[in-house]
Amino acid sequence: MKRWIAGAVLILLLLAGGLAWIALAPNTPAYEGTRGVKIPRAASFEQVVDSLQAAGILRHRVSFVWLARLTGWHRQIKAGYYTFEAGASNYHLLSVLRRGLQTPVRVTIPPGSRPEVVAAVVCRALACAPDSLLAALRDSSLAAELGTDTLHLFGRLLPDTYFFYWLTDPRTVIRRIHRHFLDFFTPERRARADSLGLSIDEVVTLASIVEWEAGPEERPRVAGVYLNRLRRGMPLQADPTVQYAVLQLEGQKRRLLFADYQIDHPYNTYRFRGLPPGPITNPSPNAIDAVLYAERHDYLYFVADGEGGHVFSRTFREHVRAANRYRRLMEQRRRQARDTTGDGADG
């Protein structure tokens, strides 16, 4: 009798030890850092196991499947993106998957972009289709919920790095980014906008032009020029708005031609005074602050200097001289390029 009891105890101990080994022993290959796996909605347990193996996370399939089915946890696995360090056990893998302990995905919104580019960036990282994010940006009810309209909503997608769960839907993505946008507009920034006589959306619209017009260092001065022109009732005559009109009409940017400045388009600030109907891109925080904290000066014009910057002028006569110098410089460079090409061909 005692031998039978001892034998039974031994068997139970062996079973318990085996179960503990199956549950707690490492069941991943050796690798550096972490590896990730994406579990789509409605994925079957077999598909989950296949995904873990394809991602190089799961080493021994049989023990993982056995423990999952023994505990019933195979029915509790939640969709999402998960990361695991090397040495994770079956118990740890299943515990993370069934509790939905997802790893956030990093998404960086680029400044000065088109909606199509931002949609592609977001949906390359998250489980969404770019068209669904673009549709959300065109949703007037969502825009109204956020206190704006569809003409201005994209401009409020503040460029920055965000973290979302992989299955976050586009409307939630937009809401989260917009909340960050509102946080960016601190009481001090709102007071600055008020002092300029501009609404938040008007600040963003002007900042979007500044974003495309100049580099970070010159933006406060460029913004000052545009503000001076607005105060005097002068047309902005901003090349980026013409570029935007061409982009809307033709689908891509290109070098502007003289005829482009006559395009009958509401965003063409050579033909229509004041700000365009909405932002032409999503401006960076730097461009927004360039408008809010623009340089105070009496410049009304500027033209490229051929070296990556601009020459600023107070009068139209000064501006014409600067523009002529720029044209002569460009023509000189074109001649030099032709001569160099010709010399190369002769050689």
Protein backbone atom coordinates (compact mmCIF):
# COMPACT_ATOMS: atom_id res chain seq x y z
CA MET A 1 0.00 0.00 0.00
CA LYS A 2 2.76 2.39 0.97
CA ARG A 3 4.63 1.56 -2.22
CA TRP A 4 1.51 2.33 -4.26
CA ILE A 5 1.06 5.68 -2.53
CA ALA A 6 4.72 6.50 -2.97
CA GLY A 7 4.51 5.59 -6.63
CA ALA A 8 1.40 7.72 -7.13
CA VAL A 9 3.07 10.68 -5.42
CA LEU A 10 6.13 10.23 -7.59
CA ILE A 11 4.00 10.18 -10.72
CA LEU A 12 2.15 13.32 -9.62
CA LEU A 13 5.43 15.05 -8.90
CA LEU A 14 6.75 14.08 -12.29
CA LEU A 15 3.57 15.34 -13.95
CA ALA A 16 3.71 18.59 -11.99
CA GLY A 17 7.35 19.00 -12.85
CA GLY A 18 6.66 18.34 -16.51
CA LEU A 19 3.79 20.79 -16.52
CA ALA A 20 5.95 23.41 -14.81
CA TRP A 21 8.68 22.84 -17.37
CA ILE A 22 6.23 23.18 -20.26
CA ALA A 23 4.80 26.35 -18.73
CA LEU A 24 7.91 28.09 -17.46
CA ALA A 25 10.88 26.92 -19.53
CA PRO A 26 12.10 29.37 -22.19
CA ASN A 27 10.43 28.70 -25.54
CA THR A 28 11.96 31.28 -27.87
CA PRO A 29 15.10 31.18 -29.98
CA ALA A 30 18.07 33.23 -28.80
CA TYR A 31 17.96 36.75 -30.26
CA GLU A 32 18.92 40.30 -29.36
CA GLY A 33 16.38 42.87 -28.19
CA THR A 34 12.75 42.10 -28.91
CA ARG A 35 10.71 40.61 -31.74
CA GLY A 36 7.18 41.61 -32.62
CA VAL A 37 4.11 39.85 -33.93
CA LYS A 38 0.84 41.22 -35.28
CA ILE A 39 -2.34 39.31 -34.44
CA PRO A 40 -5.22 40.44 -36.69
CA ARG A 41 -8.81 40.53 -35.55
CA ALA A 42 -10.64 37.21 -36.03
CA ALA A 43 -7.36 35.28 -36.31
CA SER A 44 -7.77 31.61 -35.39
CA PHE A 45 -5.54 30.04 -32.74
CA GLU A 46 -3.69 28.13 -35.46
CA GLN A 47 -3.04 31.41 -37.28
CA VAL A 48 -1.74 32.93 -34.05
CA VAL A 49 0.71 30.05 -33.62
CA ASP A 50 1.77 30.34 -37.26
CA SER A 51 2.38 34.08 -36.79
CA LEU A 52 4.48 33.52 -33.67
CA GLN A 53 6.64 31.02 -35.51
CA ALA A 54 6.91 33.17 -38.64
CA ALA A 55 8.05 36.10 -36.47
CA GLY A 56 10.81 33.94 -35.01
CA ILE A 57 9.35 34.15 -31.51
CA LEU A 58 8.04 30.62 -30.86
CA ARG A 59 10.59 27.80 -30.75
CA HIS A 60 8.58 24.67 -29.88
CA ARG A 61 5.05 24.69 -31.25
CA VAL A 62 3.76 21.52 -29.58
CA SER A 63 4.36 22.55 -25.96
CA PHE A 64 2.83 25.99 -26.56
CA VAL A 65 -0.29 24.53 -28.17
CA TRP A 66 -0.59 21.88 -25.44
CA LEU A 67 -0.49 24.44 -22.60
CA ALA A 68 -2.87 26.82 -24.39
CA ARG A 69 -5.48 24.11 -24.93
CA LEU A 70 -5.04 22.63 -21.45
CA THR A 71 -5.76 25.99 -19.82
CA GLY A 72 -8.36 27.15 -22.35
CA TRP A 73 -6.29 30.25 -22.99
CA HIS A 74 -6.27 29.54 -26.72
CA ARG A 75 -9.81 30.97 -26.75
CA GLN A 76 -8.80 34.18 -24.93
CA ILE A 77 -6.05 35.56 -27.18
CA LYS A 78 -6.63 39.19 -28.15
CA ALA A 79 -5.72 40.87 -31.41
CA GLY A 80 -2.95 43.45 -31.45
CA TYR A 81 0.77 44.00 -31.80
CA TYR A 82 2.99 42.34 -29.21
CA THR A 83 6.73 42.24 -28.57
CA PHE A 84 8.69 39.62 -26.64
CA GLU A 85 12.24 39.37 -25.39
CA ALA A 86 14.24 36.20 -25.88
CA GLY A 87 13.77 33.61 -23.15
CA ALA A 88 10.01 34.10 -22.77
CA SER A 89 8.17 31.02 -21.54
CA ASN A 90 4.93 29.54 -22.87
CA TYR A 91 3.19 30.91 -19.78
CA HIS A 92 4.54 34.41 -20.40
CA LEU A 93 3.64 34.32 -24.09
CA LEU A 94 0.09 33.20 -23.40
CA SER A 95 -0.33 35.55 -20.45
CA VAL A 96 0.60 38.57 -22.57
CA LEU A 97 -1.58 37.50 -25.49
CA ARG A 98 -4.69 36.70 -23.48
CA ARG A 99 -4.45 39.85 -21.34
CA GLY A 100 -3.95 42.04 -24.41
CA LEU A 101 -0.73 43.61 -23.12
CA GLN A 102 0.07 45.24 -26.44
CA THR A 103 3.17 47.21 -27.35
CA PRO A 104 2.40 50.69 -28.73
CA VAL A 105 3.53 51.42 -32.27
CA ARG A 106 5.62 54.50 -33.02
CA VAL A 107 4.16 56.85 -35.66
CA THR A 108 5.95 60.03 -36.75
CA ILE A 109 3.80 62.57 -38.61
CA PRO A 110 6.02 64.42 -41.11
CA PRO A 111 5.67 68.22 -41.44
CA GLY A 112 4.80 69.99 -44.65
CA SER A 113 3.10 66.92 -46.09
CA ARG A 114 0.08 66.11 -48.21
CA PRO A 115 -2.87 64.24 -46.66
CA GLU A 116 -2.07 61.23 -48.84
CA VAL A 117 1.47 61.08 -47.47
CA VAL A 118 0.35 61.30 -43.84
CA ALA A 119 -2.32 58.64 -44.44
CA ALA A 120 0.30 56.34 -45.96
CA VAL A 121 2.70 56.90 -43.04
CA VAL A 122 0.04 56.23 -40.42
CA CYS A 123 -1.44 53.18 -42.11
CA ARG A 124 1.96 51.70 -42.86
CA ALA A 125 2.44 51.48 -39.10
CA LEU A 126 -1.15 50.72 -38.05
CA ALA A 127 -3.78 48.23 -39.21
CA CYS A 128 -5.73 50.64 -41.38
CA ALA A 129 -6.16 51.54 -45.03
CA PRO A 130 -4.96 55.01 -46.12
CA ASP A 131 -8.32 55.67 -47.75
CA SER A 132 -10.04 55.21 -44.39
CA LEU A 133 -7.91 57.92 -42.79
CA LEU A 134 -8.48 60.26 -45.74
CA ALA A 135 -12.21 59.62 -45.44
CA ALA A 136 -12.06 60.51 -41.74
CA LEU A 137 -10.32 63.79 -42.60
CA ARG A 138 -13.19 64.58 -44.98
CA ASP A 139 -15.82 63.71 -42.37
CA SER A 140 -17.61 66.96 -41.52
CA SER A 141 -19.14 65.48 -38.36
CA LEU A 142 -15.71 64.55 -36.99
CA ALA A 143 -14.34 67.98 -37.87
CA ALA A 144 -17.29 69.66 -36.13
CA GLU A 145 -16.74 67.46 -33.08
CA LEU A 146 -13.17 68.78 -32.93
CA GLY A 147 -14.26 72.40 -33.30
CA THR A 148 -13.17 73.01 -36.88
CA ASP A 149 -14.16 72.09 -40.45
CA THR A 150 -12.81 69.79 -43.13
CA LEU A 151 -10.85 72.59 -44.81
CA HIS A 152 -8.80 73.12 -41.66
CA LEU A 153 -8.72 69.69 -39.99
CA PHE A 154 -5.64 68.38 -41.80
CA GLY A 155 -3.65 71.47 -40.78
CA ARG A 156 -4.26 70.49 -37.16
CA LEU A 157 -2.44 67.16 -37.55
CA LEU A 158 0.55 68.49 -35.64
CA PRO A 159 3.81 66.89 -36.80
CA ASP A 160 5.36 64.94 -33.95
CA THR A 161 6.04 61.38 -32.83
CA TYR A 162 3.04 59.54 -31.41
CA PHE A 163 2.42 56.08 -30.00
CA PHE A 164 -0.72 54.14 -30.88
CA TYR A 165 -1.89 50.59 -30.50
CA TRP A 166 -1.70 48.77 -33.81
CA LEU A 167 -5.48 48.38 -34.13
CA THR A 168 -6.30 52.03 -33.36
CA ASP A 169 -8.90 53.23 -35.88
CA PRO A 170 -8.29 56.36 -38.02
CA ARG A 171 -10.86 58.53 -36.25
CA THR A 172 -9.23 57.80 -32.89
CA VAL A 173 -5.81 58.56 -34.40
CA ILE A 174 -7.06 61.95 -35.57
CA ARG A 175 -8.67 62.68 -32.19
CA ARG A 176 -5.44 61.85 -30.34
CA ILE A 177 -3.29 64.01 -32.62
CA HIS A 178 -5.82 66.82 -32.39
CA ARG A 179 -5.74 66.66 -28.60
CA HIS A 180 -1.97 67.14 -28.79
CA PHE A 181 -2.54 70.08 -31.16
CA LEU A 182 -4.86 71.73 -28.61
CA ASP A 183 -2.31 71.11 -25.85
CA PHE A 184 0.34 72.77 -28.04
CA PHE A 185 -1.82 75.90 -28.24
CA THR A 186 -1.15 76.97 -24.67
CA PRO A 187 -2.86 80.04 -23.20
CA GLU A 188 0.26 82.04 -24.11
CA ARG A 189 0.08 80.95 -27.76
CA ARG A 190 -3.66 81.66 -27.87
CA ALA A 191 -2.98 85.13 -26.48
CA ARG A 192 -0.37 85.69 -29.18
CA ALA A 193 -2.88 84.69 -31.86
CA ASP A 194 -5.42 87.12 -30.39
CA SER A 195 -2.84 89.91 -30.41
CA LEU A 196 -2.32 89.30 -34.14
CA GLY A 197 -6.05 89.36 -34.77
CA LEU A 198 -5.96 85.78 -36.01
CA SER A 199 -7.92 82.68 -35.07
CA ILE A 200 -6.10 79.41 -34.40
CA ASP A 201 -7.05 78.11 -37.84
CA GLU A 202 -5.85 81.34 -39.47
CA VAL A 203 -2.51 81.00 -37.67
CA VAL A 204 -2.22 77.42 -38.95
CA THR A 205 -3.14 78.48 -42.49
CA LEU A 206 -0.46 81.18 -42.55
CA ALA A 207 2.03 78.81 -40.89
CA SER A 208 1.39 76.24 -43.62
CA ILE A 209 2.52 78.80 -46.22
CA VAL A 210 5.58 79.68 -44.15
CA GLU A 211 6.36 75.95 -43.82
CA TRP A 212 6.71 75.57 -47.57
CA GLU A 213 8.29 78.98 -48.14
CA ALA A 214 11.38 79.02 -45.94
CA GLY A 215 13.72 77.07 -43.70
CA PRO A 216 13.42 77.20 -39.89
CA GLU A 217 15.83 80.12 -39.39
CA GLU A 218 14.11 82.48 -41.83
CA ARG A 219 10.52 81.61 -41.01
CA PRO A 220 9.93 84.34 -38.38
CA ARG A 221 11.09 87.00 -40.86
CA VAL A 222 9.02 85.55 -43.71
CA ALA A 223 5.99 85.37 -41.43
CA GLY A 224 6.56 89.03 -40.57
CA VAL A 225 6.40 89.93 -44.26
CA TYR A 226 3.10 88.13 -44.72
CA LEU A 227 1.62 89.73 -41.60
CA ASN A 228 2.70 93.17 -42.84
CA ARG A 229 1.01 92.54 -46.17
CA LEU A 230 -2.18 91.31 -44.49
CA ARG A 231 -2.32 94.42 -42.30
CA ARG A 232 -1.97 96.67 -45.36
CA GLY A 233 -4.57 94.77 -47.35
CA MET A 234 -1.99 93.69 -49.90
CA PRO A 235 -2.30 90.30 -51.59
CA LEU A 236 0.03 87.75 -50.00
CA GLN A 237 1.44 86.73 -53.39
CA ALA A 238 2.83 83.58 -51.81
CA ASP A 239 4.36 81.12 -54.27
CA PRO A 240 3.50 78.09 -52.08
CA THR A 241 -0.20 78.79 -52.58
CA VAL A 242 0.28 78.71 -56.35
CA GLN A 243 2.26 75.50 -55.95
CA TYR A 244 -0.65 74.09 -53.95
CA ALA A 245 -3.12 75.10 -56.66
CA VAL A 246 -0.98 73.33 -59.28
CA LEU A 247 -0.77 70.31 -57.00
CA GLN A 248 -4.54 70.20 -56.64
CA LEU A 249 -5.09 70.55 -60.38
CA GLU A 250 -2.30 68.31 -61.66
CA GLY A 251 -1.60 65.93 -58.78
CA GLN A 252 2.06 66.77 -58.34
CA LYS A 253 4.47 69.63 -57.70
CA ARG A 254 6.62 71.12 -60.45
CA ARG A 255 8.55 74.29 -61.25
CA LEU A 256 6.13 77.19 -61.48
CA LEU A 257 5.60 78.93 -64.81
CA PHE A 258 4.53 82.53 -65.35
CA ALA A 259 1.06 81.39 -66.46
CA ASP A 260 0.56 79.52 -63.17
CA TYR A 261 0.30 82.79 -61.28
CA GLN A 262 -2.90 83.54 -63.21
CA ILE A 263 -4.60 80.24 -62.29
CA ASP A 264 -8.20 80.85 -61.23
CA HIS A 265 -8.02 78.87 -58.01
CA PRO A 266 -9.22 79.97 -54.53
CA TYR A 267 -5.81 79.17 -53.02
CA ASN A 268 -3.93 81.37 -55.49
CA THR A 269 -2.97 84.38 -53.34
CA TYR A 270 -1.74 86.27 -56.39
CA ARG A 271 -5.34 86.50 -57.58
CA PHE A 272 -7.24 86.53 -54.27
CA ARG A 273 -6.48 88.77 -51.31
CA GLY A 274 -6.21 87.56 -47.75
CA LEU A 275 -5.48 84.08 -46.51
CA PRO A 276 -6.44 81.08 -48.63
CA PRO A 277 -9.54 79.09 -47.57
CA GLY A 278 -7.46 76.70 -45.48
CA PRO A 279 -3.94 75.39 -44.85
CA ILE A 280 -1.95 74.03 -47.78
CA THR A 281 -0.12 71.53 -45.59
CA ASN A 282 0.30 70.49 -41.95
CA PRO A 283 2.76 73.02 -40.51
CA SER A 284 5.42 72.12 -37.98
CA PRO A 285 5.46 73.60 -34.47
CA ASN A 286 8.41 75.68 -35.68
CA ALA A 287 6.34 77.23 -38.48
CA ILE A 288 3.39 77.89 -36.16
CA ASP A 289 5.64 79.64 -33.66
CA ALA A 290 7.24 81.59 -36.51
CA VAL A 291 3.83 83.15 -37.13
CA LEU A 292 2.94 83.64 -33.47
CA TYR A 293 6.37 85.14 -32.70
CA ALA A 294 7.06 86.71 -36.08
CA GLU A 295 9.79 89.30 -36.47
CA ARG A 296 8.66 92.91 -36.23
CA HIS A 297 10.01 94.80 -39.24
CA ASP A 298 8.80 96.83 -42.21
CA TYR A 299 9.71 94.42 -45.01
CA LEU A 300 7.00 93.82 -47.60
CA TYR A 301 8.82 91.71 -50.18
CA PHE A 302 11.37 88.96 -50.44
CA VAL A 303 12.99 86.91 -53.18
CA ALA A 304 15.35 83.93 -53.21
CA ASP A 305 19.04 84.80 -52.98
CA GLY A 306 20.24 81.71 -54.83
CA GLU A 307 22.02 80.35 -51.76
CA GLY A 308 19.06 78.80 -49.97
CA GLY A 309 17.89 82.00 -48.30
CA HIS A 310 16.04 85.19 -49.23
CA VAL A 311 16.68 88.89 -49.76
CA PHE A 312 14.11 91.08 -47.99
CA SER A 313 13.00 94.49 -49.25
CA ARG A 314 10.94 97.38 -47.92
CA THR A 315 9.92 98.85 -51.26
CA PHE A 316 8.86 97.41 -54.58
CA ARG A 317 11.81 99.13 -56.29
CA GLU A 318 14.26 97.40 -53.94
CA HIS A 319 12.46 94.14 -54.54
CA VAL A 320 12.73 94.47 -58.33
CA ARG A 321 16.49 95.05 -58.05
CA ALA A 322 16.86 91.99 -55.83
CA ALA A 323 14.72 89.90 -58.18
CA ASN A 324 16.81 90.99 -61.16
CA ARG A 325 20.02 90.05 -59.35
CA TYR A 326 18.54 86.63 -58.63
CA ARG A 327 17.54 86.13 -62.28
CA ARG A 328 21.01 87.14 -63.48
CA LEU A 329 22.58 84.72 -61.00
CA MET A 330 20.35 81.88 -62.18
CA GLU A 331 21.10 82.64 -65.83
CA GLN A 332 24.82 82.73 -65.08
CA ARG A 333 24.61 79.34 -63.39
CA ARG A 334 22.65 77.90 -66.31
CA ARG A 335 25.33 79.14 -68.74
CA GLN A 336 28.07 77.66 -66.59
CA ALA A 337 26.21 74.35 -66.46
CA ARG A 338 25.85 74.34 -70.26
CA ASP A 339 29.52 75.22 -70.72
CA THR A 340 30.58 72.47 -68.33
CA THR A 341 28.40 69.96 -70.13
CA GLY A 342 29.78 71.10 -73.47
CA ASP A 343 33.40 70.79 -72.27
CA GLY A 344 32.67 67.30 -71.02
CA ALA A 345 31.16 66.33 -74.37
CA ASP A 346 34.15 67.72 -76.29
CA GLY A 347 36.56 65.83 -74.06
